[in-house]
Amino acid sequence: MEFEVHHRRSLRLRGYDYSLPGAYFVTICTHKKQHLLGQVVEGGMCRSEFGKVVELYWRDLEHRYPQVRQDAFVVMPNHVHGLIEIATPEPARSGSWPTTSGGAIRELPLRERRRGMALSKIVGRFKMTAAKRVNEIRRTPGAAVWQRNYYEHIIRNLHELESIREYIRTNPARWDTDPENYS
């Protein structure tokens, strides 16, 4: 009997320690890029009931994880964009972020890398809890809500941070030309 073997390429930066303080731009897409979260009307986002649930669970991340600080965020019809900072366990909340250049790039044993993947744990928890609530509402327990992975970009400086904030803020106005728009 033959089994199909899937060779998935990781989207994470090899050797980067995602458990150390840093700032990240995260994009999470719906399963099969379904327009589940709302629609763009005249350049503005009108969230569906599911889009409102997703935003509620995203905003709750700071309460659930004391080391998380949030910044710009937008719900789009088939994806979300957000800026997250993973701060030290007792974050100093003064000044603008990012104040660090992010986690150090170094090779860690696989066991240690898995234990310390804070960003993936945060995103995974968000996806799980939001999907569970969306599925409760639409009475589809266990149905896929999100794509299996997510995209992340490590913010390296203040210029990048400002540029990504603007990209997130203006995303609904650019929906007609967005590569994620599969109408």
C-alpha atoms as a PDB file:
ATOM      1  CA  MET A   1       0.000   0.000   0.000  1.00  0.00           C
ATOM      2  CA  GLU A   2       1.403   3.398  -1.001  1.00  0.00           C
ATOM      3  CA  PHE A   3       0.900   6.554   0.979  1.00  0.00           C
ATOM      4  CA  GLU A   4       1.046  10.016  -0.472  1.00  0.00           C
ATOM      5  CA  VAL A   5       3.810  11.980   1.224  1.00  0.00           C
ATOM      6  CA  HIS A   6       3.372  15.741   1.503  1.00  0.00           C
ATOM      7  CA  HIS A   7       6.540  17.785   1.641  1.00  0.00           C
ATOM      8  CA  ARG A   8       5.504  21.080   3.201  1.00  0.00           C
ATOM      9  CA  ARG A   9       8.018  23.888   3.089  1.00  0.00           C
ATOM     10  CA  SER A  10       8.051  25.995   6.228  1.00  0.00           C
ATOM     11  CA  LEU A  11       7.248  29.684   5.844  1.00  0.00           C
ATOM     12  CA  ARG A  12       9.239  30.523   9.001  1.00  0.00           C
ATOM     13  CA  LEU A  13      12.731  32.008   8.834  1.00  0.00           C
ATOM     14  CA  ARG A  14      15.168  29.195   9.471  1.00  0.00           C
ATOM     15  CA  GLY A  15      17.055  29.595  12.737  1.00  0.00           C
ATOM     16  CA  TYR A  16      14.997  32.562  13.963  1.00  0.00           C
ATOM     17  CA  ASP A  17      13.857  32.291  17.589  1.00  0.00           C
ATOM     18  CA  TYR A  18      10.199  33.387  17.538  1.00  0.00           C
ATOM     19  CA  SER A  19       9.957  33.241  21.326  1.00  0.00           C
ATOM     20  CA  LEU A  20      12.212  36.267  21.833  1.00  0.00           C
ATOM     21  CA  PRO A  21      10.835  39.823  21.830  1.00  0.00           C
ATOM     22  CA  GLY A  22      10.085  41.186  18.365  1.00  0.00           C
ATOM     23  CA  ALA A  23       7.439  42.728  16.111  1.00  0.00           C
ATOM     24  CA  TYR A  24       5.605  40.779  13.410  1.00  0.00           C
ATOM     25  CA  PHE A  25       3.212  41.412  10.518  1.00  0.00           C
ATOM     26  CA  VAL A  26       0.812  38.449  10.336  1.00  0.00           C
ATOM     27  CA  THR A  27      -1.631  37.456   7.574  1.00  0.00           C
ATOM     28  CA  ILE A  28      -4.100  34.605   8.080  1.00  0.00           C
ATOM     29  CA  CYS A  29      -6.328  33.447   5.198  1.00  0.00           C
ATOM     30  CA  THR A  30      -9.677  31.685   5.337  1.00  0.00           C
ATOM     31  CA  HIS A  31      -9.978  28.098   4.124  1.00  0.00           C
ATOM     32  CA  LYS A  32      -9.947  28.040   0.320  1.00  0.00           C
ATOM     33  CA  LYS A  33      -9.956  31.865   0.489  1.00  0.00           C
ATOM     34  CA  GLN A  34     -13.717  31.878   1.066  1.00  0.00           C
ATOM     35  CA  HIS A  35     -15.267  35.320   1.498  1.00  0.00           C
ATOM     36  CA  LEU A  36     -16.487  34.391   4.953  1.00  0.00           C
ATOM     37  CA  LEU A  37     -15.569  37.484   6.956  1.00  0.00           C
ATOM     38  CA  GLY A  38     -17.540  40.169   5.116  1.00  0.00           C
ATOM     39  CA  GLN A  39     -17.324  42.301   2.026  1.00  0.00           C
ATOM     40  CA  VAL A  40     -15.725  45.504   0.857  1.00  0.00           C
ATOM     41  CA  VAL A  41     -18.267  48.186  -0.010  1.00  0.00           C
ATOM     42  CA  GLU A  42     -17.130  51.497  -1.514  1.00  0.00           C
ATOM     43  CA  GLY A  43     -13.587  51.026  -0.222  1.00  0.00           C
ATOM     44  CA  GLY A  44     -14.615  50.146   3.347  1.00  0.00           C
ATOM     45  CA  MET A  45     -14.864  46.793   5.054  1.00  0.00           C
ATOM     46  CA  CYS A  46     -18.325  45.593   6.180  1.00  0.00           C
ATOM     47  CA  ARG A  47     -17.672  42.649   8.489  1.00  0.00           C
ATOM     48  CA  SER A  48     -20.068  39.733   8.557  1.00  0.00           C
ATOM     49  CA  GLU A  49     -21.097  38.139  11.846  1.00  0.00           C
ATOM     50  CA  PHE A  50     -18.077  35.850  11.423  1.00  0.00           C
ATOM     51  CA  GLY A  51     -15.774  38.815  10.722  1.00  0.00           C
ATOM     52  CA  LYS A  52     -16.952  40.448  13.951  1.00  0.00           C
ATOM     53  CA  VAL A  53     -16.219  37.235  15.874  1.00  0.00           C
ATOM     54  CA  VAL A  54     -12.731  37.055  14.341  1.00  0.00           C
ATOM     55  CA  GLU A  55     -11.991  40.659  15.325  1.00  0.00           C
ATOM     56  CA  LEU A  56     -13.238  40.031  18.873  1.00  0.00           C
ATOM     57  CA  TYR A  57     -10.921  37.025  19.280  1.00  0.00           C
ATOM     58  CA  TRP A  58      -7.988  38.931  17.754  1.00  0.00           C
ATOM     59  CA  ARG A  59      -8.486  41.838  20.162  1.00  0.00           C
ATOM     60  CA  ASP A  60      -8.600  39.364  23.063  1.00  0.00           C
ATOM     61  CA  LEU A  61      -5.000  38.235  22.419  1.00  0.00           C
ATOM     62  CA  GLU A  62      -3.569  41.042  24.588  1.00  0.00           C
ATOM     63  CA  HIS A  63      -5.739  39.926  27.505  1.00  0.00           C
ATOM     64  CA  ARG A  64      -4.849  36.264  27.087  1.00  0.00           C
ATOM     65  CA  TYR A  65      -1.115  36.839  26.576  1.00  0.00           C
ATOM     66  CA  PRO A  66       0.403  39.602  28.745  1.00  0.00           C
ATOM     67  CA  GLN A  67       3.546  39.673  26.583  1.00  0.00           C
ATOM     68  CA  VAL A  68       1.533  40.569  23.438  1.00  0.00           C
ATOM     69  CA  ARG A  69       0.995  44.129  22.257  1.00  0.00           C
ATOM     70  CA  GLN A  70      -1.193  44.801  19.249  1.00  0.00           C
ATOM     71  CA  ASP A  71      -1.114  47.533  16.674  1.00  0.00           C
ATOM     72  CA  ALA A  72      -2.842  47.893  13.292  1.00  0.00           C
ATOM     73  CA  PHE A  73      -5.376  45.217  12.351  1.00  0.00           C
ATOM     74  CA  VAL A  74      -7.938  44.698   9.597  1.00  0.00           C
ATOM     75  CA  VAL A  75     -10.486  42.015   8.753  1.00  0.00           C
ATOM     76  CA  MET A  76     -10.832  41.493   5.002  1.00  0.00           C
ATOM     77  CA  PRO A  77     -13.379  39.231   3.227  1.00  0.00           C
ATOM     78  CA  ASN A  78     -11.026  36.226   3.150  1.00  0.00           C
ATOM     79  CA  HIS A  79      -8.074  37.117   5.376  1.00  0.00           C
ATOM     80  CA  VAL A  80      -6.888  39.216   8.290  1.00  0.00           C
ATOM     81  CA  HIS A  81      -3.763  41.357   8.659  1.00  0.00           C
ATOM     82  CA  GLY A  82      -2.350  42.304  12.041  1.00  0.00           C
ATOM     83  CA  LEU A  83       0.748  43.691  13.719  1.00  0.00           C
ATOM     84  CA  ILE A  84       1.828  41.924  16.897  1.00  0.00           C
ATOM     85  CA  GLU A  85       4.708  42.674  19.222  1.00  0.00           C
ATOM     86  CA  ILE A  86       5.953  39.953  21.523  1.00  0.00           C
ATOM     87  CA  ALA A  87       7.432  41.877  24.432  1.00  0.00           C
ATOM     88  CA  THR A  88       9.391  40.687  27.412  1.00  0.00           C
ATOM     89  CA  PRO A  89       7.264  38.875  30.028  1.00  0.00           C
ATOM     90  CA  GLU A  90       6.866  42.154  31.940  1.00  0.00           C
ATOM     91  CA  PRO A  91       6.649  44.673  29.095  1.00  0.00           C
ATOM     92  CA  ALA A  92       7.624  48.279  29.564  1.00  0.00           C
ATOM     93  CA  ARG A  93       4.725  50.022  27.822  1.00  0.00           C
ATOM     94  CA  SER A  94       6.369  53.388  27.231  1.00  0.00           C
ATOM     95  CA  GLY A  95       7.666  54.629  23.900  1.00  0.00           C
ATOM     96  CA  SER A  96       6.840  53.433  20.420  1.00  0.00           C
ATOM     97  CA  TRP A  97       7.687  49.970  19.249  1.00  0.00           C
ATOM     98  CA  PRO A  98       9.573  48.087  17.957  1.00  0.00           C
ATOM     99  CA  THR A  99      12.315  48.777  20.441  1.00  0.00           C
ATOM    100  CA  THR A 100      14.184  45.605  19.596  1.00  0.00           C
ATOM    101  CA  SER A 101      15.394  44.165  16.348  1.00  0.00           C
ATOM    102  CA  GLY A 102      13.562  40.933  17.091  1.00  0.00           C
ATOM    103  CA  GLY A 103      14.767  37.482  18.000  1.00  0.00           C
ATOM    104  CA  ALA A 104      18.333  36.435  17.407  1.00  0.00           C
ATOM    105  CA  ILE A 105      19.023  34.230  14.414  1.00  0.00           C
ATOM    106  CA  ARG A 106      20.733  31.151  15.722  1.00  0.00           C
ATOM    107  CA  GLU A 107      20.456  27.427  15.399  1.00  0.00           C
ATOM    108  CA  LEU A 108      18.599  25.792  18.270  1.00  0.00           C
ATOM    109  CA  PRO A 109      17.919  22.124  18.774  1.00  0.00           C
ATOM    110  CA  LEU A 110      14.516  21.185  17.298  1.00  0.00           C
ATOM    111  CA  ARG A 111      13.097  20.356  20.721  1.00  0.00           C
ATOM    112  CA  GLU A 112      13.950  23.843  22.052  1.00  0.00           C
ATOM    113  CA  ARG A 113      12.601  25.555  18.909  1.00  0.00           C
ATOM    114  CA  ARG A 114       9.247  23.793  19.288  1.00  0.00           C
ATOM    115  CA  ARG A 115       8.986  24.668  22.982  1.00  0.00           C
ATOM    116  CA  GLY A 116       9.662  28.374  22.433  1.00  0.00           C
ATOM    117  CA  MET A 117       7.593  29.200  19.344  1.00  0.00           C
ATOM    118  CA  ALA A 118       5.543  31.946  20.982  1.00  0.00           C
ATOM    119  CA  LEU A 119       4.261  33.507  17.746  1.00  0.00           C
ATOM    120  CA  SER A 120       2.991  30.196  16.394  1.00  0.00           C
ATOM    121  CA  LYS A 121       1.311  29.430  19.728  1.00  0.00           C
ATOM    122  CA  ILE A 122      -0.414  32.821  19.746  1.00  0.00           C
ATOM    123  CA  VAL A 123      -1.591  32.527  16.133  1.00  0.00           C
ATOM    124  CA  GLY A 124      -2.595  28.892  16.622  1.00  0.00           C
ATOM    125  CA  ARG A 125      -4.668  29.701  19.672  1.00  0.00           C
ATOM    126  CA  PHE A 126      -6.360  32.583  17.846  1.00  0.00           C
ATOM    127  CA  LYS A 127      -7.193  30.402  14.846  1.00  0.00           C
ATOM    128  CA  MET A 128      -8.516  27.577  17.026  1.00  0.00           C
ATOM    129  CA  THR A 129     -10.747  29.683  19.270  1.00  0.00           C
ATOM    130  CA  ALA A 130     -12.097  31.916  16.480  1.00  0.00           C
ATOM    131  CA  ALA A 131     -12.824  28.888  14.268  1.00  0.00           C
ATOM    132  CA  LYS A 132     -14.603  27.094  17.088  1.00  0.00           C
ATOM    133  CA  ARG A 133     -16.902  30.087  17.695  1.00  0.00           C
ATOM    134  CA  VAL A 134     -17.543  30.652  13.948  1.00  0.00           C
ATOM    135  CA  ASN A 135     -18.432  26.981  13.588  1.00  0.00           C
ATOM    136  CA  GLU A 136     -20.766  27.138  16.585  1.00  0.00           C
ATOM    137  CA  ILE A 137     -22.616  30.038  14.964  1.00  0.00           C
ATOM    138  CA  ARG A 138     -22.915  28.370  11.552  1.00  0.00           C
ATOM    139  CA  ARG A 139     -23.543  24.925  13.096  1.00  0.00           C
ATOM    140  CA  THR A 140     -20.629  23.270  11.314  1.00  0.00           C
ATOM    141  CA  PRO A 141     -18.531  21.733  14.113  1.00  0.00           C
ATOM    142  CA  GLY A 142     -15.013  20.853  13.028  1.00  0.00           C
ATOM    143  CA  ALA A 143     -15.273  22.517   9.601  1.00  0.00           C
ATOM    144  CA  ALA A 144     -12.164  24.285   8.351  1.00  0.00           C
ATOM    145  CA  VAL A 145     -12.291  28.058   8.768  1.00  0.00           C
ATOM    146  CA  TRP A 146      -8.620  28.918   8.173  1.00  0.00           C
ATOM    147  CA  GLN A 147      -5.904  27.809   5.812  1.00  0.00           C
ATOM    148  CA  ARG A 148      -3.452  25.497   7.494  1.00  0.00           C
ATOM    149  CA  ASN A 149      -0.569  27.963   7.802  1.00  0.00           C
ATOM    150  CA  TYR A 150      -0.128  31.723   8.045  1.00  0.00           C
ATOM    151  CA  TYR A 151       2.239  34.333   6.675  1.00  0.00           C
ATOM    152  CA  GLU A 152       4.481  36.373   8.928  1.00  0.00           C
ATOM    153  CA  HIS A 153       7.065  39.049   8.330  1.00  0.00           C
ATOM    154  CA  ILE A 154       9.571  40.126  10.970  1.00  0.00           C
ATOM    155  CA  ILE A 155       9.505  43.920  11.425  1.00  0.00           C
ATOM    156  CA  ARG A 156      13.083  45.138  11.406  1.00  0.00           C
ATOM    157  CA  ASN A 157      12.791  48.914  11.822  1.00  0.00           C
ATOM    158  CA  LEU A 158      10.434  51.837  12.380  1.00  0.00           C
ATOM    159  CA  HIS A 159      10.208  52.667   8.649  1.00  0.00           C
ATOM    160  CA  GLU A 160       8.976  49.134   7.926  1.00  0.00           C
ATOM    161  CA  LEU A 161       6.497  49.383  10.795  1.00  0.00           C
ATOM    162  CA  GLU A 162       5.029  52.636   9.456  1.00  0.00           C
ATOM    163  CA  SER A 163       4.825  51.248   5.920  1.00  0.00           C
ATOM    164  CA  ILE A 164       2.994  48.111   7.074  1.00  0.00           C
ATOM    165  CA  ARG A 165       0.611  50.150   9.238  1.00  0.00           C
ATOM    166  CA  GLU A 166      -0.314  52.150   6.142  1.00  0.00           C
ATOM    167  CA  TYR A 167      -0.712  48.961   4.074  1.00  0.00           C
ATOM    168  CA  ILE A 168      -3.116  47.519   6.671  1.00  0.00           C
ATOM    169  CA  ARG A 169      -5.048  50.773   7.041  1.00  0.00           C
ATOM    170  CA  THR A 170      -5.566  51.159   3.270  1.00  0.00           C
ATOM    171  CA  ASN A 171      -6.129  47.480   2.450  1.00  0.00           C
ATOM    172  CA  PRO A 172      -9.938  47.732   2.029  1.00  0.00           C
ATOM    173  CA  ALA A 173      -9.577  50.663  -0.401  1.00  0.00           C
ATOM    174  CA  ARG A 174      -7.261  48.531  -2.582  1.00  0.00           C
ATOM    175  CA  TRP A 175      -9.450  45.406  -2.516  1.00  0.00           C
ATOM    176  CA  ASP A 176     -10.257  45.517  -6.244  1.00  0.00           C
ATOM    177  CA  THR A 177      -6.569  45.043  -7.050  1.00  0.00           C
ATOM    178  CA  ASP A 178      -5.651  42.817  -4.067  1.00  0.00           C
ATOM    179  CA  PRO A 179      -4.114  39.457  -5.106  1.00  0.00           C
ATOM    180  CA  GLU A 180      -6.132  37.834  -2.266  1.00  0.00           C
ATOM    181  CA  ASN A 181      -9.391  38.976  -3.940  1.00  0.00           C
ATOM    182  CA  TYR A 182     -10.740  35.854  -5.622  1.00  0.00           C
ATOM    183  CA  SER A 183     -14.285  37.032  -6.254  1.00  0.00           C
END
